[in-house]
Amino acid sequence: MKTLTSCLFCEVPDNLQILGNNEAFVIEDKYPITKRHSLIIPRRHFSDFFEANEQEYAAILGLLKQRKQQLLELDDKIKGFNVGVNIGKVAGQAILHCHIHLIPRRTGEIPNWGQD
């Protein structure tokens, strides 16, 4: 799906999508905070998480759960997760297309929380 603003998340190729459904998909973050940091991205273009409709919320939550389980099966060192949403530039949202971060956490690791 192309947009007039040429949104990066509207143009993610299918081969980079790890999981997906009719409303959203999952990719690995290009600038991960930890290994296998994932993004859950609605297919419809909107910037604010609170603009999602009920179908999109359900689809996003389903993919969060699926990806969490997938990551636990891939990496037995994962002991927890951070789930985060930045809404607006002032809150750190760099790409103004809604996306949810799923950040796996391992004992003793030092996450890269820095801003580039």
PDB file of N, CA and C in Angstrom:
ATOM      1  N   MET A   1       0.838  -1.172   0.000  1.00  0.00           N
ATOM      2  CA  MET A   1       0.000   0.000   0.000  1.00  0.00           C
ATOM      3  C   MET A   1       0.888   1.242   0.000  1.00  0.00           C
ATOM      4  N   LYS A   2       0.713   2.105  -0.939  1.00  0.00           N
ATOM      5  CA  LYS A   2       1.493   3.344  -1.015  1.00  0.00           C
ATOM      6  C   LYS A   2       0.665   4.502  -0.470  1.00  0.00           C
ATOM      7  N   THR A   3       1.369   5.462   0.104  1.00  0.00           N
ATOM      8  CA  THR A   3       0.694   6.652   0.584  1.00  0.00           C
ATOM      9  C   THR A   3       1.320   7.867  -0.072  1.00  0.00           C
ATOM     10  N   LEU A   4       0.630   8.982   0.020  1.00  0.00           N
ATOM     11  CA  LEU A   4       1.160  10.220  -0.548  1.00  0.00           C
ATOM     12  C   LEU A   4       2.401  10.689   0.196  1.00  0.00           C
ATOM     13  N   THR A   5       2.542  10.312   1.474  1.00  0.00           N
ATOM     14  CA  THR A   5       3.680  10.760   2.271  1.00  0.00           C
ATOM     15  C   THR A   5       4.848   9.786   2.203  1.00  0.00           C
ATOM     16  N   SER A   6       4.714   8.704   1.457  1.00  0.00           N
ATOM     17  CA  SER A   6       5.770   7.703   1.327  1.00  0.00           C
ATOM     18  C   SER A   6       6.212   7.180   2.695  1.00  0.00           C
ATOM     19  N   CYS A   7       5.284   6.627   3.424  1.00  0.00           N
ATOM     20  CA  CYS A   7       5.521   6.099   4.766  1.00  0.00           C
ATOM     21  C   CYS A   7       6.296   4.790   4.691  1.00  0.00           C
ATOM     22  N   LEU A   8       7.380   4.685   5.462  1.00  0.00           N
ATOM     23  CA  LEU A   8       8.181   3.458   5.489  1.00  0.00           C
ATOM     24  C   LEU A   8       7.373   2.239   5.901  1.00  0.00           C
ATOM     25  N   PHE A   9       6.477   2.399   6.860  1.00  0.00           N
ATOM     26  CA  PHE A   9       5.716   1.253   7.350  1.00  0.00           C
ATOM     27  C   PHE A   9       4.576   0.857   6.417  1.00  0.00           C
ATOM     28  N   CYS A  10       4.157   1.752   5.545  1.00  0.00           N
ATOM     29  CA  CYS A  10       3.154   1.400   4.543  1.00  0.00           C
ATOM     30  C   CYS A  10       3.779   0.628   3.383  1.00  0.00           C
ATOM     31  N   GLU A  11       5.112   0.636   3.310  1.00  0.00           N
ATOM     32  CA  GLU A  11       5.814   0.048   2.172  1.00  0.00           C
ATOM     33  C   GLU A  11       6.696  -1.134   2.562  1.00  0.00           C
ATOM     34  N   VAL A  12       6.449  -1.760   3.712  1.00  0.00           N
ATOM     35  CA  VAL A  12       7.258  -2.904   4.144  1.00  0.00           C
ATOM     36  C   VAL A  12       6.961  -4.088   3.220  1.00  0.00           C
ATOM     37  N   PRO A  13       7.994  -4.637   2.573  1.00  0.00           N
ATOM     38  CA  PRO A  13       7.760  -5.777   1.679  1.00  0.00           C
ATOM     39  C   PRO A  13       7.312  -7.026   2.454  1.00  0.00           C
ATOM     40  N   ASP A  14       6.534  -7.851   1.792  1.00  0.00           N
ATOM     41  CA  ASP A  14       6.013  -9.067   2.418  1.00  0.00           C
ATOM     42  C   ASP A  14       7.117  -9.957   2.972  1.00  0.00           C
ATOM     43  N   ASN A  15       8.264 -10.014   2.299  1.00  0.00           N
ATOM     44  CA  ASN A  15       9.332 -10.918   2.741  1.00  0.00           C
ATOM     45  C   ASN A  15       9.974 -10.487   4.057  1.00  0.00           C
ATOM     46  N   LEU A  16       9.728  -9.274   4.534  1.00  0.00           N
ATOM     47  CA  LEU A  16      10.241  -8.821   5.827  1.00  0.00           C
ATOM     48  C   LEU A  16       9.219  -9.002   6.955  1.00  0.00           C
ATOM     49  N   GLN A  17       8.009  -9.367   6.591  1.00  0.00           N
ATOM     50  CA  GLN A  17       6.942  -9.542   7.576  1.00  0.00           C
ATOM     51  C   GLN A  17       7.023 -10.948   8.177  1.00  0.00           C
ATOM     52  N   ILE A  18       7.266 -11.011   9.477  1.00  0.00           N
ATOM     53  CA  ILE A  18       7.455 -12.272  10.192  1.00  0.00           C
ATOM     54  C   ILE A  18       6.124 -12.973  10.430  1.00  0.00           C
ATOM     55  N   LEU A  19       5.139 -12.223  10.852  1.00  0.00           N
ATOM     56  CA  LEU A  19       3.775 -12.701  11.113  1.00  0.00           C
ATOM     57  C   LEU A  19       2.820 -11.649  10.586  1.00  0.00           C
ATOM     58  N   GLY A  20       1.583 -12.036  10.366  1.00  0.00           N
ATOM     59  CA  GLY A  20       0.618 -11.049   9.933  1.00  0.00           C
ATOM     60  C   GLY A  20      -0.800 -11.583   9.953  1.00  0.00           C
ATOM     61  N   ASN A  21      -1.736 -10.659   9.873  1.00  0.00           N
ATOM     62  CA  ASN A  21      -3.152 -10.971   9.720  1.00  0.00           C
ATOM     63  C   ASN A  21      -3.753  -9.870   8.860  1.00  0.00           C
ATOM     64  N   ASN A  22      -5.065  -9.814   8.762  1.00  0.00           N
ATOM     65  CA  ASN A  22      -5.706  -8.821   7.884  1.00  0.00           C
ATOM     66  C   ASN A  22      -5.485  -7.385   8.320  1.00  0.00           C
ATOM     67  N   GLU A  23      -5.238  -7.165   9.605  1.00  0.00           N
ATOM     68  CA  GLU A  23      -5.178  -5.811  10.150  1.00  0.00           C
ATOM     69  C   GLU A  23      -3.769  -5.307  10.473  1.00  0.00           C
ATOM     70  N   ALA A  24      -2.803  -6.226  10.669  1.00  0.00           N
ATOM     71  CA  ALA A  24      -1.474  -5.812  11.143  1.00  0.00           C
ATOM     72  C   ALA A  24      -0.426  -6.860  10.770  1.00  0.00           C
ATOM     73  N   PHE A  25       0.842  -6.505  10.982  1.00  0.00           N
ATOM     74  CA  PHE A  25       1.940  -7.435  10.722  1.00  0.00           C
ATOM     75  C   PHE A  25       3.085  -7.157  11.682  1.00  0.00           C
ATOM     76  N   VAL A  26       4.053  -8.076  11.707  1.00  0.00           N
ATOM     77  CA  VAL A  26       5.207  -7.986  12.610  1.00  0.00           C
ATOM     78  C   VAL A  26       6.488  -7.976  11.777  1.00  0.00           C
ATOM     79  N   ILE A  27       7.414  -7.076  12.159  1.00  0.00           N
ATOM     80  CA  ILE A  27       8.761  -7.072  11.582  1.00  0.00           C
ATOM     81  C   ILE A  27       9.766  -6.950  12.729  1.00  0.00           C
ATOM     82  N   GLU A  28      11.024  -7.253  12.441  1.00  0.00           N
ATOM     83  CA  GLU A  28      12.069  -6.961  13.416  1.00  0.00           C
ATOM     84  C   GLU A  28      12.463  -5.496  13.270  1.00  0.00           C
ATOM     85  N   ASP A  29      12.742  -4.848  14.406  1.00  0.00           N
ATOM     86  CA  ASP A  29      13.129  -3.442  14.406  1.00  0.00           C
ATOM     87  C   ASP A  29      14.498  -3.292  13.745  1.00  0.00           C
ATOM     88  N   LYS A  30      14.623  -2.311  12.873  1.00  0.00           N
ATOM     89  CA  LYS A  30      15.890  -2.048  12.179  1.00  0.00           C
ATOM     90  C   LYS A  30      16.961  -1.527  13.142  1.00  0.00           C
ATOM     91  N   TYR A  31      16.534  -0.899  14.242  1.00  0.00           N
ATOM     92  CA  TYR A  31      17.447  -0.369  15.251  1.00  0.00           C
ATOM     93  C   TYR A  31      17.066  -0.958  16.613  1.00  0.00           C
ATOM     94  N   PRO A  32      17.355  -2.241  16.816  1.00  0.00           N
ATOM     95  CA  PRO A  32      16.846  -2.931  18.012  1.00  0.00           C
ATOM     96  C   PRO A  32      17.469  -2.465  19.317  1.00  0.00           C
ATOM     97  N   ILE A  33      16.627  -2.436  20.339  1.00  0.00           N
ATOM     98  CA  ILE A  33      17.085  -2.155  21.695  1.00  0.00           C
ATOM     99  C   ILE A  33      17.730  -3.412  22.281  1.00  0.00           C
ATOM    100  N   THR A  34      17.145  -4.570  21.965  1.00  0.00           N
ATOM    101  CA  THR A  34      17.729  -5.874  22.298  1.00  0.00           C
ATOM    102  C   THR A  34      17.550  -6.781  21.076  1.00  0.00           C
ATOM    103  N   LYS A  35      18.239  -7.909  21.073  1.00  0.00           N
ATOM    104  CA  LYS A  35      18.140  -8.866  19.974  1.00  0.00           C
ATOM    105  C   LYS A  35      16.690  -9.332  19.819  1.00  0.00           C
ATOM    106  N   ARG A  36      16.207  -9.342  18.585  1.00  0.00           N
ATOM    107  CA  ARG A  36      14.859  -9.762  18.200  1.00  0.00           C
ATOM    108  C   ARG A  36      13.755  -8.790  18.641  1.00  0.00           C
ATOM    109  N   HIS A  37      14.121  -7.547  18.906  1.00  0.00           N
ATOM    110  CA  HIS A  37      13.148  -6.469  19.157  1.00  0.00           C
ATOM    111  C   HIS A  37      12.225  -6.415  17.938  1.00  0.00           C
ATOM    112  N   SER A  38      10.936  -6.501  18.168  1.00  0.00           N
ATOM    113  CA  SER A  38       9.962  -6.572  17.083  1.00  0.00           C
ATOM    114  C   SER A  38       9.005  -5.387  17.125  1.00  0.00           C
ATOM    115  N   LEU A  39       8.421  -5.094  15.968  1.00  0.00           N
ATOM    116  CA  LEU A  39       7.396  -4.055  15.851  1.00  0.00           C
ATOM    117  C   LEU A  39       6.117  -4.685  15.324  1.00  0.00           C
ATOM    118  N   ILE A  40       5.000  -4.354  15.936  1.00  0.00           N
ATOM    119  CA  ILE A  40       3.692  -4.764  15.447  1.00  0.00           C
ATOM    120  C   ILE A  40       3.089  -3.514  14.816  1.00  0.00           C
ATOM    121  N   ILE A  41       2.739  -3.614  13.538  1.00  0.00           N
ATOM    122  CA  ILE A  41       2.359  -2.440  12.748  1.00  0.00           C
ATOM    123  C   ILE A  41       0.991  -2.660  12.102  1.00  0.00           C
ATOM    124  N   PRO A  42       0.032  -1.782  12.371  1.00  0.00           N
ATOM    125  CA  PRO A  42      -1.256  -1.875  11.670  1.00  0.00           C
ATOM    126  C   PRO A  42      -1.055  -1.632  10.170  1.00  0.00           C
ATOM    127  N   ARG A  43      -1.850  -2.315   9.362  1.00  0.00           N
ATOM    128  CA  ARG A  43      -1.754  -2.131   7.904  1.00  0.00           C
ATOM    129  C   ARG A  43      -2.332  -0.773   7.484  1.00  0.00           C
ATOM    130  N   ARG A  44      -3.362  -0.318   8.159  1.00  0.00           N
ATOM    131  CA  ARG A  44      -3.955   0.984   7.856  1.00  0.00           C
ATOM    132  C   ARG A  44      -3.029   2.074   8.391  1.00  0.00           C
ATOM    133  N   HIS A  45      -2.843   3.119   7.614  1.00  0.00           N
ATOM    134  CA  HIS A  45      -1.967   4.214   8.039  1.00  0.00           C
ATOM    135  C   HIS A  45      -2.703   5.167   8.976  1.00  0.00           C
ATOM    136  N   PHE A  46      -2.219   5.261  10.203  1.00  0.00           N
ATOM    137  CA  PHE A  46      -2.630   6.268  11.177  1.00  0.00           C
ATOM    138  C   PHE A  46      -1.495   6.373  12.175  1.00  0.00           C
ATOM    139  N   SER A  47      -1.338   7.506  12.815  1.00  0.00           N
ATOM    140  CA  SER A  47      -0.163   7.710  13.656  1.00  0.00           C
ATOM    141  C   SER A  47      -0.393   7.400  15.124  1.00  0.00           C
ATOM    142  N   ASP A  48      -1.560   7.663  15.634  1.00  0.00           N
ATOM    143  CA  ASP A  48      -1.844   7.598  17.064  1.00  0.00           C
ATOM    144  C   ASP A  48      -2.476   6.255  17.427  1.00  0.00           C
ATOM    145  N   PHE A  49      -1.843   5.518  18.331  1.00  0.00           N
ATOM    146  CA  PHE A  49      -2.345   4.219  18.785  1.00  0.00           C
ATOM    147  C   PHE A  49      -3.826   4.288  19.169  1.00  0.00           C
ATOM    148  N   PHE A  50      -4.250   5.397  19.737  1.00  0.00           N
ATOM    149  CA  PHE A  50      -5.628   5.542  20.194  1.00  0.00           C
ATOM    150  C   PHE A  50      -6.618   5.741  19.045  1.00  0.00           C
ATOM    151  N   GLU A  51      -6.118   5.847  17.810  1.00  0.00           N
ATOM    152  CA  GLU A  51      -6.983   5.940  16.630  1.00  0.00           C
ATOM    153  C   GLU A  51      -7.342   4.574  16.061  1.00  0.00           C
ATOM    154  N   ALA A  52      -6.774   3.502  16.600  1.00  0.00           N
ATOM    155  CA  ALA A  52      -7.078   2.155  16.111  1.00  0.00           C
ATOM    156  C   ALA A  52      -8.538   1.815  16.395  1.00  0.00           C
ATOM    157  N   ASN A  53      -9.120   1.017  15.519  1.00  0.00           N
ATOM    158  CA  ASN A  53     -10.483   0.544  15.779  1.00  0.00           C
ATOM    159  C   ASN A  53     -10.411  -0.789  16.539  1.00  0.00           C
ATOM    160  N   GLU A  54     -11.554  -1.301  16.952  1.00  0.00           N
ATOM    161  CA  GLU A  54     -11.581  -2.518  17.779  1.00  0.00           C
ATOM    162  C   GLU A  54     -10.958  -3.714  17.067  1.00  0.00           C
ATOM    163  N   GLN A  55     -11.188  -3.850  15.766  1.00  0.00           N
ATOM    164  CA  GLN A  55     -10.588  -4.947  14.995  1.00  0.00           C
ATOM    165  C   GLN A  55      -9.066  -4.834  15.002  1.00  0.00           C
ATOM    166  N   GLU A  56      -8.563  -3.624  14.846  1.00  0.00           N
ATOM    167  CA  GLU A  56      -7.117  -3.417  14.840  1.00  0.00           C
ATOM    168  C   GLU A  56      -6.512  -3.710  16.208  1.00  0.00           C
ATOM    169  N   TYR A  57      -7.177  -3.254  17.281  1.00  0.00           N
ATOM    170  CA  TYR A  57      -6.679  -3.567  18.627  1.00  0.00           C
ATOM    171  C   TYR A  57      -6.604  -5.071  18.843  1.00  0.00           C
ATOM    172  N   ALA A  58      -7.647  -5.792  18.459  1.00  0.00           N
ATOM    173  CA  ALA A  58      -7.668  -7.247  18.635  1.00  0.00           C
ATOM    174  C   ALA A  58      -6.562  -7.910  17.807  1.00  0.00           C
ATOM    175  N   ALA A  59      -6.374  -7.446  16.585  1.00  0.00           N
ATOM    176  CA  ALA A  59      -5.346  -8.008  15.709  1.00  0.00           C
ATOM    177  C   ALA A  59      -3.944  -7.737  16.255  1.00  0.00           C
ATOM    178  N   ILE A  60      -3.727  -6.522  16.748  1.00  0.00           N
ATOM    179  CA  ILE A  60      -2.431  -6.149  17.328  1.00  0.00           C
ATOM    180  C   ILE A  60      -2.137  -7.002  18.552  1.00  0.00           C
ATOM    181  N   LEU A  61      -3.104  -7.130  19.440  1.00  0.00           N
ATOM    182  CA  LEU A  61      -2.919  -7.933  20.645  1.00  0.00           C
ATOM    183  C   LEU A  61      -2.645  -9.394  20.293  1.00  0.00           C
ATOM    184  N   GLY A  62      -3.367  -9.914  19.323  1.00  0.00           N
ATOM    185  CA  GLY A  62      -3.127 -11.289  18.878  1.00  0.00           C
ATOM    186  C   GLY A  62      -1.716 -11.487  18.375  1.00  0.00           C
ATOM    187  N   LEU A  63      -1.217 -10.536  17.584  1.00  0.00           N
ATOM    188  CA  LEU A  63       0.152 -10.647  17.060  1.00  0.00           C
ATOM    189  C   LEU A  63       1.193 -10.459  18.162  1.00  0.00           C
ATOM    190  N   LEU A  64       0.923  -9.593  19.132  1.00  0.00           N
ATOM    191  CA  LEU A  64       1.834  -9.453  20.279  1.00  0.00           C
ATOM    192  C   LEU A  64       1.992 -10.793  20.995  1.00  0.00           C
ATOM    193  N   LYS A  65       0.878 -11.465  21.238  1.00  0.00           N
ATOM    194  CA  LYS A  65       0.916 -12.757  21.921  1.00  0.00           C
ATOM    195  C   LYS A  65       1.614 -13.814  21.080  1.00  0.00           C
ATOM    196  N   GLN A  66       1.309 -13.852  19.781  1.00  0.00           N
ATOM    197  CA  GLN A  66       1.945 -14.822  18.883  1.00  0.00           C
ATOM    198  C   GLN A  66       3.453 -14.619  18.835  1.00  0.00           C
ATOM    199  N   ARG A  67       3.869 -13.369  18.667  1.00  0.00           N
ATOM    200  CA  ARG A  67       5.304 -13.079  18.565  1.00  0.00           C
ATOM    201  C   ARG A  67       6.012 -13.370  19.881  1.00  0.00           C
ATOM    202  N   LYS A  68       5.383 -13.042  21.002  1.00  0.00           N
ATOM    203  CA  LYS A  68       5.969 -13.359  22.312  1.00  0.00           C
ATOM    204  C   LYS A  68       6.232 -14.854  22.408  1.00  0.00           C
ATOM    205  N   GLN A  69       5.241 -15.669  22.068  1.00  0.00           N
ATOM    206  CA  GLN A  69       5.406 -17.119  22.143  1.00  0.00           C
ATOM    207  C   GLN A  69       6.491 -17.593  21.183  1.00  0.00           C
ATOM    208  N   GLN A  70       6.498 -17.045  19.986  1.00  0.00           N
ATOM    209  CA  GLN A  70       7.510 -17.402  18.988  1.00  0.00           C
ATOM    210  C   GLN A  70       8.918 -17.095  19.512  1.00  0.00           C
ATOM    211  N   LEU A  71       9.085 -15.917  20.121  1.00  0.00           N
ATOM    212  CA  LEU A  71      10.396 -15.528  20.650  1.00  0.00           C
ATOM    213  C   LEU A  71      10.831 -16.430  21.794  1.00  0.00           C
ATOM    214  N   LEU A  72       9.905 -16.790  22.664  1.00  0.00           N
ATOM    215  CA  LEU A  72      10.248 -17.700  23.769  1.00  0.00           C
ATOM    216  C   LEU A  72      10.706 -19.056  23.251  1.00  0.00           C
ATOM    217  N   GLU A  73      10.119 -19.519  22.151  1.00  0.00           N
ATOM    218  CA  GLU A  73      10.523 -20.794  21.547  1.00  0.00           C
ATOM    219  C   GLU A  73      11.864 -20.676  20.837  1.00  0.00           C
ATOM    220  N   LEU A  74      12.186 -19.498  20.307  1.00  0.00           N
ATOM    221  CA  LEU A  74      13.456 -19.280  19.601  1.00  0.00           C
ATOM    222  C   LEU A  74      14.637 -19.061  20.541  1.00  0.00           C
ATOM    223  N   ASP A  75      14.391 -18.503  21.722  1.00  0.00           N
ATOM    224  CA  ASP A  75      15.479 -18.070  22.596  1.00  0.00           C
ATOM    225  C   ASP A  75      15.121 -18.325  24.059  1.00  0.00           C
ATOM    226  N   ASP A  76      15.705 -19.369  24.627  1.00  0.00           N
ATOM    227  CA  ASP A  76      15.375 -19.733  26.014  1.00  0.00           C
ATOM    228  C   ASP A  76      16.017 -18.804  27.042  1.00  0.00           C
ATOM    229  N   LYS A  77      16.803 -17.832  26.581  1.00  0.00           N
ATOM    230  CA  LYS A  77      17.388 -16.857  27.509  1.00  0.00           C
ATOM    231  C   LYS A  77      16.448 -15.685  27.781  1.00  0.00           C
ATOM    232  N   ILE A  78      15.382 -15.566  26.998  1.00  0.00           N
ATOM    233  CA  ILE A  78      14.412 -14.488  27.218  1.00  0.00           C
ATOM    234  C   ILE A  78      13.648 -14.787  28.506  1.00  0.00           C
ATOM    235  N   LYS A  79      13.668 -13.812  29.426  1.00  0.00           N
ATOM    236  CA  LYS A  79      13.019 -13.967  30.732  1.00  0.00           C
ATOM    237  C   LYS A  79      11.913 -12.942  30.969  1.00  0.00           C
ATOM    238  N   GLY A  80      11.753 -11.982  30.063  1.00  0.00           N
ATOM    239  CA  GLY A  80      10.726 -10.959  30.210  1.00  0.00           C
ATOM    240  C   GLY A  80      10.613 -10.141  28.938  1.00  0.00           C
ATOM    241  N   PHE A  81       9.699  -9.184  28.959  1.00  0.00           N
ATOM    242  CA  PHE A  81       9.452  -8.329  27.793  1.00  0.00           C
ATOM    243  C   PHE A  81       9.098  -6.924  28.233  1.00  0.00           C
ATOM    244  N   ASN A  82       9.439  -5.953  27.394  1.00  0.00           N
ATOM    245  CA  ASN A  82       8.884  -4.606  27.469  1.00  0.00           C
ATOM    246  C   ASN A  82       7.960  -4.467  26.265  1.00  0.00           C
ATOM    247  N   VAL A  83       6.790  -3.876  26.491  1.00  0.00           N
ATOM    248  CA  VAL A  83       5.865  -3.545  25.410  1.00  0.00           C
ATOM    249  C   VAL A  83       5.674  -2.038  25.478  1.00  0.00           C
ATOM    250  N   GLY A  84       5.883  -1.356  24.355  1.00  0.00           N
ATOM    251  CA  GLY A  84       5.805   0.095  24.393  1.00  0.00           C
ATOM    252  C   GLY A  84       5.228   0.709  23.140  1.00  0.00           C
ATOM    253  N   VAL A  85       4.616   1.873  23.343  1.00  0.00           N
ATOM    254  CA  VAL A  85       4.056   2.652  22.245  1.00  0.00           C
ATOM    255  C   VAL A  85       4.435   4.113  22.472  1.00  0.00           C
ATOM    256  N   ASN A  86       5.040   4.738  21.490  1.00  0.00           N
ATOM    257  CA  ASN A  86       5.325   6.172  21.532  1.00  0.00           C
ATOM    258  C   ASN A  86       4.283   6.860  20.659  1.00  0.00           C
ATOM    259  N   ILE A  87       3.659   7.898  21.193  1.00  0.00           N
ATOM    260  CA  ILE A  87       2.607   8.596  20.453  1.00  0.00           C
ATOM    261  C   ILE A  87       2.997  10.066  20.331  1.00  0.00           C
ATOM    262  N   GLY A  88       3.391  10.458  19.124  1.00  0.00           N
ATOM    263  CA  GLY A  88       3.809  11.833  18.852  1.00  0.00           C
ATOM    264  C   GLY A  88       5.315  11.998  18.938  1.00  0.00           C
ATOM    265  N   LYS A  89       5.805  12.967  18.198  1.00  0.00           N
ATOM    266  CA  LYS A  89       7.244  13.229  18.156  1.00  0.00           C
ATOM    267  C   LYS A  89       7.814  13.535  19.532  1.00  0.00           C
ATOM    268  N   VAL A  90       7.085  14.301  20.348  1.00  0.00           N
ATOM    269  CA  VAL A  90       7.569  14.674  21.665  1.00  0.00           C
ATOM    270  C   VAL A  90       7.742  13.438  22.562  1.00  0.00           C
ATOM    271  N   ALA A  91       7.028  12.353  22.246  1.00  0.00           N
ATOM    272  CA  ALA A  91       7.124  11.111  23.015  1.00  0.00           C
ATOM    273  C   ALA A  91       8.127  10.137  22.407  1.00  0.00           C
ATOM    274  N   GLY A  92       8.819  10.564  21.354  1.00  0.00           N
ATOM    275  CA  GLY A  92       9.846   9.725  20.745  1.00  0.00           C
ATOM    276  C   GLY A  92       9.401   8.947  19.525  1.00  0.00           C
ATOM    277  N   GLN A  93       8.210   9.214  18.997  1.00  0.00           N
ATOM    278  CA  GLN A  93       7.748   8.510  17.802  1.00  0.00           C
ATOM    279  C   GLN A  93       8.466   9.082  16.584  1.00  0.00           C
ATOM    280  N   ALA A  94       9.360   8.275  16.009  1.00  0.00           N
ATOM    281  CA  ALA A  94      10.162   8.734  14.871  1.00  0.00           C
ATOM    282  C   ALA A  94       9.432   8.546  13.546  1.00  0.00           C
ATOM    283  N   ILE A  95       8.679   7.460  13.414  1.00  0.00           N
ATOM    284  CA  ILE A  95       7.899   7.199  12.201  1.00  0.00           C
ATOM    285  C   ILE A  95       6.436   7.369  12.581  1.00  0.00           C
ATOM    286  N   LEU A  96       5.763   8.305  11.943  1.00  0.00           N
ATOM    287  CA  LEU A  96       4.403   8.662  12.335  1.00  0.00           C
ATOM    288  C   LEU A  96       3.368   7.734  11.697  1.00  0.00           C
ATOM    289  N   HIS A  97       3.590   6.455  11.887  1.00  0.00           N
ATOM    290  CA  HIS A  97       2.643   5.379  11.560  1.00  0.00           C
ATOM    291  C   HIS A  97       2.612   4.542  12.829  1.00  0.00           C
ATOM    292  N   CYS A  98       1.444   4.326  13.380  1.00  0.00           N
ATOM    293  CA  CYS A  98       1.321   3.604  14.639  1.00  0.00           C
ATOM    294  C   CYS A  98       2.145   2.310  14.606  1.00  0.00           C
ATOM    295  N   HIS A  99       2.870   2.033  15.674  1.00  0.00           N
ATOM    296  CA  HIS A  99       3.585   0.770  15.824  1.00  0.00           C
ATOM    297  C   HIS A  99       3.832   0.505  17.305  1.00  0.00           C
ATOM    298  N   ILE A 100       3.865  -0.769  17.648  1.00  0.00           N
ATOM    299  CA  ILE A 100       4.005  -1.205  19.027  1.00  0.00           C
ATOM    300  C   ILE A 100       5.308  -1.997  19.121  1.00  0.00           C
ATOM    301  N   HIS A 101       6.114  -1.673  20.119  1.00  0.00           N
ATOM    302  CA  HIS A 101       7.399  -2.344  20.327  1.00  0.00           C
ATOM    303  C   HIS A 101       7.221  -3.548  21.247  1.00  0.00           C
ATOM    304  N   LEU A 102       7.775  -4.684  20.858  1.00  0.00           N
ATOM    305  CA  LEU A 102       7.877  -5.862  21.716  1.00  0.00           C
ATOM    306  C   LEU A 102       9.369  -6.130  21.882  1.00  0.00           C
ATOM    307  N   ILE A 103       9.865  -5.871  23.089  1.00  0.00           N
ATOM    308  CA  ILE A 103      11.307  -5.907  23.348  1.00  0.00           C
ATOM    309  C   ILE A 103      11.620  -7.052  24.311  1.00  0.00           C
ATOM    310  N   PRO A 104      12.260  -8.111  23.811  1.00  0.00           N
ATOM    311  CA  PRO A 104      12.617  -9.218  24.694  1.00  0.00           C
ATOM    312  C   PRO A 104      13.720  -8.799  25.663  1.00  0.00           C
ATOM    313  N   ARG A 105      13.657  -9.341  26.883  1.00  0.00           N
ATOM    314  CA  ARG A 105      14.651  -9.009  27.899  1.00  0.00           C
ATOM    315  C   ARG A 105      15.288 -10.287  28.437  1.00  0.00           C
ATOM    316  N   ARG A 106      16.594 -10.218  28.593  1.00  0.00           N
ATOM    317  CA  ARG A 106      17.390 -11.343  29.097  1.00  0.00           C
ATOM    318  C   ARG A 106      18.152 -10.904  30.335  1.00  0.00           C
ATOM    319  N   THR A 107      18.344 -11.808  31.264  1.00  0.00           N
ATOM    320  CA  THR A 107      19.074 -11.516  32.496  1.00  0.00           C
ATOM    321  C   THR A 107      20.478 -11.012  32.165  1.00  0.00           C
ATOM    322  N   GLY A 108      20.856  -9.897  32.766  1.00  0.00           N
ATOM    323  CA  GLY A 108      22.205  -9.378  32.615  1.00  0.00           C
ATOM    324  C   GLY A 108      22.499  -8.589  31.358  1.00  0.00           C
ATOM    325  N   GLU A 109      21.582  -8.518  30.418  1.00  0.00           N
ATOM    326  CA  GLU A 109      21.869  -7.774  29.191  1.00  0.00           C
ATOM    327  C   GLU A 109      21.767  -6.277  29.435  1.00  0.00           C
ATOM    328  N   ILE A 110      22.435  -5.524  28.591  1.00  0.00           N
ATOM    329  CA  ILE A 110      22.376  -4.069  28.672  1.00  0.00           C
ATOM    330  C   ILE A 110      21.691  -3.579  27.413  1.00  0.00           C
ATOM    331  N   PRO A 111      20.418  -3.166  27.533  1.00  0.00           N
ATOM    332  CA  PRO A 111      19.681  -2.714  26.349  1.00  0.00           C
ATOM    333  C   PRO A 111      20.261  -1.426  25.784  1.00  0.00           C
ATOM    334  N   ASN A 112      20.136  -1.252  24.490  1.00  0.00           N
ATOM    335  CA  ASN A 112      20.564  -0.040  23.811  1.00  0.00           C
ATOM    336  C   ASN A 112      19.371   0.921  23.726  1.00  0.00           C
ATOM    337  N   TRP A 113      19.130   1.695  24.784  1.00  0.00           N
ATOM    338  CA  TRP A 113      17.991   2.614  24.828  1.00  0.00           C
ATOM    339  C   TRP A 113      18.332   3.954  24.163  1.00  0.00           C
ATOM    340  N   GLY A 114      19.556   4.118  23.667  1.00  0.00           N
ATOM    341  CA  GLY A 114      20.010   5.413  23.149  1.00  0.00           C
ATOM    342  C   GLY A 114      19.243   5.901  21.949  1.00  0.00           C
ATOM    343  N   GLN A 115      19.265   7.196  21.765  1.00  0.00           N
ATOM    344  CA  GLN A 115      18.683   7.861  20.605  1.00  0.00           C
ATOM    345  C   GLN A 115      19.800   8.114  19.599  1.00  0.00           C
ATOM    346  N   ASP A 116      19.543   7.774  18.335  1.00  0.00           N
ATOM    347  CA  ASP A 116      20.548   8.041  17.300  1.00  0.00           C
ATOM    348  C   ASP A 116      20.405   9.437  16.756  1.00  0.00           C
TER     349      ASP A 116
END
